[in-house]
PDB file of N, CA and C in Angstrom:
ATOM      1  N   MET A   1     -27.137 -25.708  33.325  1.00  0.00           N
ATOM      2  CA  MET A   1     -26.117 -25.686  34.696  1.00  0.00           C
ATOM      3  C   MET A   1     -26.154 -24.584  35.170  1.00  0.00           C
ATOM      4  N   ARG A   2     -25.995 -24.179  36.980  1.00  0.00           N
ATOM      5  CA  ARG A   2     -26.256 -22.863  36.768  1.00  0.00           C
ATOM      6  C   ARG A   2     -24.647 -22.652  37.605  1.00  0.00           C
ATOM      7  N   LEU A   3     -25.025 -21.358  37.082  1.00  0.00           N
ATOM      8  CA  LEU A   3     -23.451 -20.468  37.702  1.00  0.00           C
ATOM      9  C   LEU A   3     -22.758 -21.318  38.842  1.00  0.00           C
ATOM     10  N   ALA A   4     -23.494 -21.129  40.162  1.00  0.00           N
ATOM     11  CA  ALA A   4     -22.343 -22.188  40.861  1.00  0.00           C
ATOM     12  C   ALA A   4     -21.571 -22.980  41.060  1.00  0.00           C
ATOM     13  N   ALA A   5     -22.634 -24.377  40.071  1.00  0.00           N
ATOM     14  CA  ALA A   5     -22.270 -25.417  39.878  1.00  0.00           C
ATOM     15  C   ALA A   5     -20.486 -25.350  38.455  1.00  0.00           C
ATOM     16  N   PHE A   6     -21.261 -24.457  37.504  1.00  0.00           N
ATOM     17  CA  PHE A   6     -19.921 -24.482  36.536  1.00  0.00           C
ATOM     18  C   PHE A   6     -19.343 -24.216  37.402  1.00  0.00           C
ATOM     19  N   ILE A   7     -18.958 -23.192  38.293  1.00  0.00           N
ATOM     20  CA  ILE A   7     -17.284 -22.602  38.814  1.00  0.00           C
ATOM     21  C   ILE A   7     -17.212 -23.695  39.777  1.00  0.00           C
ATOM     22  N   ALA A   8     -17.926 -24.455  40.164  1.00  0.00           N
ATOM     23  CA  ALA A   8     -17.562 -25.452  41.355  1.00  0.00           C
ATOM     24  C   ALA A   8     -16.672 -26.791  40.574  1.00  0.00           C
ATOM     25  N   ALA A   9     -17.145 -26.932  39.340  1.00  0.00           N
ATOM     26  CA  ALA A   9     -16.854 -28.340  38.067  1.00  0.00           C
ATOM     27  C   ALA A   9     -15.443 -27.564  37.583  1.00  0.00           C
ATOM     28  N   ASN A  10     -15.835 -26.701  37.372  1.00  0.00           N
ATOM     29  CA  ASN A  10     -14.064 -25.930  36.261  1.00  0.00           C
ATOM     30  C   ASN A  10     -13.385 -24.967  37.576  1.00  0.00           C
ATOM     31  N   THR A  11     -13.526 -25.098  38.846  1.00  0.00           N
ATOM     32  CA  THR A  11     -12.849 -24.183  39.687  1.00  0.00           C
ATOM     33  C   THR A  11     -10.894 -24.525  38.955  1.00  0.00           C
ATOM     34  N   ALA A  12     -10.539 -25.799  39.008  1.00  0.00           N
ATOM     35  CA  ALA A  12      -9.272 -26.025  38.554  1.00  0.00           C
ATOM     36  C   ALA A  12      -8.667 -25.353  37.345  1.00  0.00           C
ATOM     37  N   SER A  13      -9.589 -25.320  36.127  1.00  0.00           N
ATOM     38  CA  SER A  13      -9.332 -24.158  34.559  1.00  0.00           C
ATOM     39  C   SER A  13      -9.260 -22.765  35.180  1.00  0.00           C
ATOM     40  N   ILE A  14     -10.259 -22.639  35.674  1.00  0.00           N
ATOM     41  CA  ILE A  14     -10.674 -20.622  36.492  1.00  0.00           C
ATOM     42  C   ILE A  14      -9.003 -20.662  36.916  1.00  0.00           C
ATOM     43  N   ILE A  15      -8.913 -21.610  37.969  1.00  0.00           N
ATOM     44  CA  ILE A  15      -7.633 -20.958  38.846  1.00  0.00           C
ATOM     45  C   ILE A  15      -6.185 -20.770  37.972  1.00  0.00           C
ATOM     46  N   VAL A  16      -6.241 -21.526  36.824  1.00  0.00           N
ATOM     47  CA  VAL A  16      -5.411 -21.608  36.042  1.00  0.00           C
ATOM     48  C   VAL A  16      -5.197 -20.017  34.985  1.00  0.00           C
ATOM     49  N   GLU A  17      -6.331 -19.721  34.684  1.00  0.00           N
ATOM     50  CA  GLU A  17      -6.788 -18.488  33.644  1.00  0.00           C
ATOM     51  C   GLU A  17      -6.489 -17.633  34.489  1.00  0.00           C
ATOM     52  N   TRP A  18      -7.267 -17.680  35.673  1.00  0.00           N
ATOM     53  CA  TRP A  18      -6.751 -16.657  36.795  1.00  0.00           C
ATOM     54  C   TRP A  18      -5.090 -15.899  36.989  1.00  0.00           C
ATOM     55  N   GLU A  19      -4.289 -17.042  37.106  1.00  0.00           N
ATOM     56  CA  GLU A  19      -2.857 -16.996  37.812  1.00  0.00           C
ATOM     57  C   GLU A  19      -2.435 -16.323  36.161  1.00  0.00           C
ATOM     58  N   ASN A  20      -2.858 -16.572  34.660  1.00  0.00           N
ATOM     59  CA  ASN A  20      -2.249 -15.987  33.793  1.00  0.00           C
ATOM     60  C   ASN A  20      -3.008 -14.582  33.576  1.00  0.00           C
ATOM     61  N   PHE A  21      -3.790 -14.449  33.999  1.00  0.00           N
ATOM     62  CA  PHE A  21      -4.521 -13.160  34.148  1.00  0.00           C
ATOM     63  C   PHE A  21      -3.513 -11.989  35.257  1.00  0.00           C
ATOM     64  N   ALA A  22      -3.532 -12.693  36.351  1.00  0.00           N
ATOM     65  CA  ALA A  22      -3.671 -11.602  37.411  1.00  0.00           C
ATOM     66  C   ALA A  22      -1.990 -11.535  37.251  1.00  0.00           C
ATOM     67  N   LEU A  23      -1.218 -12.485  36.600  1.00  0.00           N
ATOM     68  CA  LEU A  23       0.364 -12.315  36.490  1.00  0.00           C
ATOM     69  C   LEU A  23       0.963 -10.508  35.477  1.00  0.00           C
ATOM     70  N   THR A  24      -0.133 -10.145  34.906  1.00  0.00           N
ATOM     71  CA  THR A  24      -0.193  -9.430  33.728  1.00  0.00           C
ATOM     72  C   THR A  24      -0.546  -8.081  34.863  1.00  0.00           C
ATOM     73  N   LEU A  25      -0.854  -8.262  35.707  1.00  0.00           N
ATOM     74  CA  LEU A  25      -1.647  -6.978  36.879  1.00  0.00           C
ATOM     75  C   LEU A  25      -0.334  -6.479  37.490  1.00  0.00           C
ATOM     76  N   VAL A  26       0.508  -6.097  36.791  1.00  0.00           N
ATOM     77  CA  VAL A  26       1.692  -5.436  37.380  1.00  0.00           C
ATOM     78  C   VAL A  26       1.826  -3.949  37.746  1.00  0.00           C
ATOM     79  N   PRO A  27       1.746  -3.675  38.940  1.00  0.00           N
ATOM     80  CA  PRO A  27       2.943  -3.763  40.034  1.00  0.00           C
ATOM     81  C   PRO A  27       2.016  -4.401  40.673  1.00  0.00           C
ATOM     82  N   ALA A  28       0.867  -4.847  41.070  1.00  0.00           N
ATOM     83  CA  ALA A  28       0.371  -5.324  41.937  1.00  0.00           C
ATOM     84  C   ALA A  28       0.505  -6.774  41.738  1.00  0.00           C
ATOM     85  N   ALA A  29       0.878  -7.572  40.823  1.00  0.00           N
ATOM     86  CA  ALA A  29       1.044  -9.605  41.187  1.00  0.00           C
ATOM     87  C   ALA A  29       2.391  -9.341  41.031  1.00  0.00           C
ATOM     88  N   GLN A  30       3.353  -8.369  41.014  1.00  0.00           N
ATOM     89  CA  GLN A  30       4.749  -8.730  40.819  1.00  0.00           C
ATOM     90  C   GLN A  30       5.442  -9.215  42.565  1.00  0.00           C
ATOM     91  N   HIS A  31       4.271  -9.074  43.243  1.00  0.00           N
ATOM     92  CA  HIS A  31       4.748  -8.644  44.750  1.00  0.00           C
ATOM     93  C   HIS A  31       4.023 -10.593  45.464  1.00  0.00           C
ATOM     94  N   MET A  32       3.237 -11.085  44.551  1.00  0.00           N
ATOM     95  CA  MET A  32       2.612 -12.273  44.607  1.00  0.00           C
ATOM     96  C   MET A  32       3.377 -13.799  43.880  1.00  0.00           C
ATOM     97  N   SER A  33       3.400 -14.678  44.429  1.00  0.00           N
ATOM     98  CA  SER A  33       4.011 -15.846  44.200  1.00  0.00           C
ATOM     99  C   SER A  33       2.438 -16.947  43.934  1.00  0.00           C
ATOM    100  N   PRO A  34       2.512 -16.984  42.613  1.00  0.00           N
ATOM    101  CA  PRO A  34       1.958 -18.090  42.022  1.00  0.00           C
ATOM    102  C   PRO A  34       0.881 -18.999  42.975  1.00  0.00           C
ATOM    103  N   LEU A  35       1.739 -19.287  44.314  1.00  0.00           N
ATOM    104  CA  LEU A  35       0.971 -20.396  45.099  1.00  0.00           C
ATOM    105  C   LEU A  35      -0.024 -19.458  45.645  1.00  0.00           C
ATOM    106  N   ALA A  36       0.440 -17.722  46.155  1.00  0.00           N
ATOM    107  CA  ALA A  36       0.118 -16.913  47.073  1.00  0.00           C
ATOM    108  C   ALA A  36      -1.464 -16.620  46.388  1.00  0.00           C
ATOM    109  N   LEU A  37      -1.168 -16.603  44.555  1.00  0.00           N
ATOM    110  CA  LEU A  37      -2.004 -16.062  43.680  1.00  0.00           C
ATOM    111  C   LEU A  37      -3.208 -17.309  43.771  1.00  0.00           C
ATOM    112  N   ARG A  38      -3.268 -17.957  43.460  1.00  0.00           N
ATOM    113  CA  ARG A  38      -3.983 -19.612  43.266  1.00  0.00           C
ATOM    114  C   ARG A  38      -4.994 -19.507  44.685  1.00  0.00           C
ATOM    115  N   ASN A  39      -4.179 -19.621  45.744  1.00  0.00           N
ATOM    116  CA  ASN A  39      -5.006 -19.404  46.980  1.00  0.00           C
ATOM    117  C   ASN A  39      -5.903 -18.269  47.068  1.00  0.00           C
ATOM    118  N   HIS A  40      -5.636 -17.440  46.530  1.00  0.00           N
ATOM    119  CA  HIS A  40      -6.023 -16.077  46.826  1.00  0.00           C
ATOM    120  C   HIS A  40      -7.500 -16.237  45.638  1.00  0.00           C
ATOM    121  N   ILE A  41      -7.544 -16.679  44.868  1.00  0.00           N
ATOM    122  CA  ILE A  41      -8.879 -16.861  43.576  1.00  0.00           C
ATOM    123  C   ILE A  41      -9.394 -18.133  44.361  1.00  0.00           C
ATOM    124  N   ARG A  42      -9.158 -19.311  45.211  1.00  0.00           N
ATOM    125  CA  ARG A  42      -9.455 -20.345  45.300  1.00  0.00           C
ATOM    126  C   ARG A  42     -10.667 -19.373  46.465  1.00  0.00           C
ATOM    127  N   GLY A  43      -9.751 -18.812  47.476  1.00  0.00           N
ATOM    128  CA  GLY A  43     -10.962 -18.411  48.251  1.00  0.00           C
ATOM    129  C   GLY A  43     -12.175 -17.563  48.420  1.00  0.00           C
ATOM    130  N   LEU A  44     -11.510 -16.732  46.779  1.00  0.00           N
ATOM    131  CA  LEU A  44     -12.771 -16.266  46.310  1.00  0.00           C
ATOM    132  C   LEU A  44     -13.982 -17.046  45.555  1.00  0.00           C
ATOM    133  N   LEU A  45     -13.364 -17.805  44.967  1.00  0.00           N
ATOM    134  CA  LEU A  45     -14.008 -18.639  44.584  1.00  0.00           C
ATOM    135  C   LEU A  45     -14.977 -19.336  45.142  1.00  0.00           C
ATOM    136  N   ASP A  46     -14.702 -20.063  46.517  1.00  0.00           N
ATOM    137  CA  ASP A  46     -15.368 -20.429  47.197  1.00  0.00           C
ATOM    138  C   ASP A  46     -16.468 -19.616  48.036  1.00  0.00           C
ATOM    139  N   PHE A  47     -16.226 -18.452  48.203  1.00  0.00           N
ATOM    140  CA  PHE A  47     -17.485 -17.150  48.972  1.00  0.00           C
ATOM    141  C   PHE A  47     -18.033 -17.395  47.822  1.00  0.00           C
ATOM    142  N   ILE A  48     -17.733 -17.194  46.534  1.00  0.00           N
ATOM    143  CA  ILE A  48     -19.169 -16.936  45.484  1.00  0.00           C
ATOM    144  C   ILE A  48     -19.587 -17.743  45.269  1.00  0.00           C
ATOM    145  N   ILE A  49     -19.108 -19.356  45.324  1.00  0.00           N
ATOM    146  CA  ILE A  49     -19.936 -20.430  45.145  1.00  0.00           C
ATOM    147  C   ILE A  49     -21.238 -20.491  46.316  1.00  0.00           C
ATOM    148  N   GLU A  50     -20.958 -20.323  47.769  1.00  0.00           N
ATOM    149  CA  GLU A  50     -21.391 -20.592  48.684  1.00  0.00           C
ATOM    150  C   GLU A  50     -22.731 -19.129  49.029  1.00  0.00           C
ATOM    151  N   ASP A  51     -21.903 -17.947  48.189  1.00  0.00           N
ATOM    152  CA  ASP A  51     -22.989 -17.120  48.219  1.00  0.00           C
ATOM    153  C   ASP A  51     -24.055 -16.820  47.522  1.00  0.00           C
ATOM    154  N   MET A  52     -23.842 -18.013  46.184  1.00  0.00           N
ATOM    155  CA  MET A  52     -24.650 -18.050  45.055  1.00  0.00           C
ATOM    156  C   MET A  52     -25.894 -19.160  45.292  1.00  0.00           C
ATOM    157  N   LYS A  53     -25.004 -19.551  46.516  1.00  0.00           N
ATOM    158  CA  LYS A  53     -26.016 -21.184  46.955  1.00  0.00           C
ATOM    159  C   LYS A  53     -26.937 -20.662  47.848  1.00  0.00           C
ATOM    160  N   SER A  54     -26.774 -19.321  48.756  1.00  0.00           N
ATOM    161  CA  SER A  54     -27.410 -19.395  49.711  1.00  0.00           C
ATOM    162  C   SER A  54     -28.684 -18.373  49.382  1.00  0.00           C
ATOM    163  N   ASP A  55     -30.146 -18.666  50.303  1.00  0.00           N
ATOM    164  CA  ASP A  55     -30.928 -18.241  49.801  1.00  0.00           C
ATOM    165  C   ASP A  55     -31.261 -16.602  50.423  1.00  0.00           C
ATOM    166  N   GLN A  56     -32.063 -15.879  49.087  1.00  0.00           N
ATOM    167  CA  GLN A  56     -32.487 -14.480  49.629  1.00  0.00           C
ATOM    168  C   GLN A  56     -33.411 -13.813  49.431  1.00  0.00           C
ATOM    169  N   THR A  57     -33.597 -13.159  50.052  1.00  0.00           N
ATOM    170  CA  THR A  57     -35.241 -12.576  50.051  1.00  0.00           C
ATOM    171  C   THR A  57     -35.168 -11.344  48.482  1.00  0.00           C
ATOM    172  N   ASN A  58     -36.590 -11.229  47.879  1.00  0.00           N
ATOM    173  CA  ASN A  58     -36.049 -10.447  46.843  1.00  0.00           C
ATOM    174  C   ASN A  58     -35.418  -9.029  47.217  1.00  0.00           C
ATOM    175  N   SER A  59     -35.454  -8.679  48.409  1.00  0.00           N
ATOM    176  CA  SER A  59     -34.839  -7.339  48.790  1.00  0.00           C
ATOM    177  C   SER A  59     -33.266  -7.444  49.153  1.00  0.00           C
ATOM    178  N   GLU A  60     -33.277  -8.556  49.386  1.00  0.00           N
ATOM    179  CA  GLU A  60     -31.773  -8.937  49.402  1.00  0.00           C
ATOM    180  C   GLU A  60     -31.082  -9.051  48.107  1.00  0.00           C
ATOM    181  N   GLN A  61     -31.829  -9.869  46.920  1.00  0.00           N
ATOM    182  CA  GLN A  61     -31.566  -9.914  45.809  1.00  0.00           C
ATOM    183  C   GLN A  61     -31.328  -8.430  45.094  1.00  0.00           C
ATOM    184  N   ARG A  62     -32.421  -7.280  45.254  1.00  0.00           N
ATOM    185  CA  ARG A  62     -32.366  -6.362  44.765  1.00  0.00           C
ATOM    186  C   ARG A  62     -31.134  -5.335  45.021  1.00  0.00           C
ATOM    187  N   ILE A  63     -30.834  -5.656  46.573  1.00  0.00           N
ATOM    188  CA  ILE A  63     -29.182  -4.636  47.090  1.00  0.00           C
ATOM    189  C   ILE A  63     -28.555  -4.982  46.782  1.00  0.00           C
ATOM    190  N   LYS A  64     -28.361  -6.473  45.930  1.00  0.00           N
ATOM    191  CA  LYS A  64     -27.080  -6.982  45.710  1.00  0.00           C
ATOM    192  C   LYS A  64     -26.681  -7.096  44.304  1.00  0.00           C
ATOM    193  N   SER A  65     -27.314  -7.215  43.659  1.00  0.00           N
ATOM    194  CA  SER A  65     -27.735  -6.790  41.705  1.00  0.00           C
ATOM    195  C   SER A  65     -27.334  -5.113  41.890  1.00  0.00           C
ATOM    196  N   ARG A  66     -27.367  -4.298  43.049  1.00  0.00           N
ATOM    197  CA  ARG A  66     -26.933  -2.836  42.518  1.00  0.00           C
ATOM    198  C   ARG A  66     -25.416  -2.809  43.192  1.00  0.00           C
ATOM    199  N   GLY A  67     -24.724  -3.628  43.558  1.00  0.00           N
ATOM    200  CA  GLY A  67     -23.437  -3.635  44.574  1.00  0.00           C
ATOM    201  C   GLY A  67     -23.590  -2.838  45.827  1.00  0.00           C
TER     202      GLY A  67
END
């Protein structure tokens, strides 16, 4: 299974784990509601999935892998 497919298939459980983890990140998380945390990670996961599905040239892959 490709990572993008795994993330898409497990988004709900990833969100629950993220919310639990994010709540430990004080002070950053203390100003975010559980709904805000869920919305934040959902947007990030959606972006990651679409980015992983997109075609890239070898040059683009090299650049992205180096941050």
